[in-house]
Amino acid sequence: MPVDISTLSEEERKIRMRKWDPKKGAVKQRTVEFKDDFKADDYRKFWKK
């Protein structure tokens, strides 16, 4: 059941608003970059069959 925020005390209101704040507590996802050392010329001999 939803709570009317206007009926809460200032302290309780701040606590509830912090829970819903998307900027705080959100975990940033990092992108992982892989170095590609694949050389097609090394495997070209297998393709000619």
Protein backbone atom coordinates (compact mmCIF):
# COMPACT_ATOMS: atom_id res chain seq x y z
CA MET A 1 0.00 0.00 0.00
CA PRO A 2 1.49 3.38 -0.96
CA VAL A 3 2.41 5.82 1.76
CA ASP A 4 1.49 9.48 1.63
CA ILE A 5 4.85 11.23 1.89
CA SER A 6 3.31 14.43 3.21
CA THR A 7 2.23 12.64 6.40
CA LEU A 8 5.75 11.42 7.21
CA SER A 9 8.25 13.26 9.34
CA GLU A 10 11.12 15.05 7.62
CA GLU A 11 13.58 12.33 8.64
CA GLU A 12 11.39 9.48 7.36
CA ARG A 13 10.76 11.38 4.13
CA LYS A 14 14.50 11.75 3.49
CA ILE A 15 15.09 8.05 4.14
CA ARG A 16 12.35 7.01 1.70
CA MET A 17 13.50 9.44 -0.96
CA ARG A 18 17.09 8.15 -0.71
CA LYS A 19 15.86 4.62 -1.41
CA TRP A 20 14.28 5.75 -4.68
CA ASP A 21 17.08 8.08 -5.80
CA PRO A 22 18.54 6.43 -8.93
CA LYS A 23 21.80 8.39 -8.76
CA LYS A 24 22.84 7.19 -5.33
CA GLY A 25 23.62 3.56 -4.77
CA ALA A 26 23.43 2.65 -8.43
CA VAL A 27 26.24 0.45 -9.63
CA LYS A 28 27.90 1.60 -12.81
CA GLN A 29 28.61 -1.11 -15.30
CA ARG A 30 32.04 -1.18 -16.82
CA THR A 31 32.65 -2.34 -20.34
CA VAL A 32 35.39 -4.90 -20.67
CA GLU A 33 37.63 -4.47 -23.67
CA PHE A 34 39.42 -7.49 -25.03
CA LYS A 35 42.55 -7.18 -27.07
CA ASP A 36 42.19 -9.01 -30.35
CA ASP A 37 45.35 -10.70 -31.55
CA PHE A 38 43.64 -12.93 -34.12
CA LYS A 39 45.43 -12.98 -37.46
CA ALA A 40 43.48 -14.49 -40.33
CA ASP A 41 46.67 -15.16 -42.31
CA ASP A 42 47.77 -17.73 -39.72
CA TYR A 43 44.62 -19.80 -40.40
CA ARG A 44 44.24 -19.19 -44.11
CA LYS A 45 45.94 -22.53 -44.91
CA PHE A 46 42.97 -24.37 -43.38
CA TRP A 47 40.43 -22.57 -45.58
CA LYS A 48 41.91 -23.55 -48.96
CA LYS A 49 40.67 -27.17 -48.84
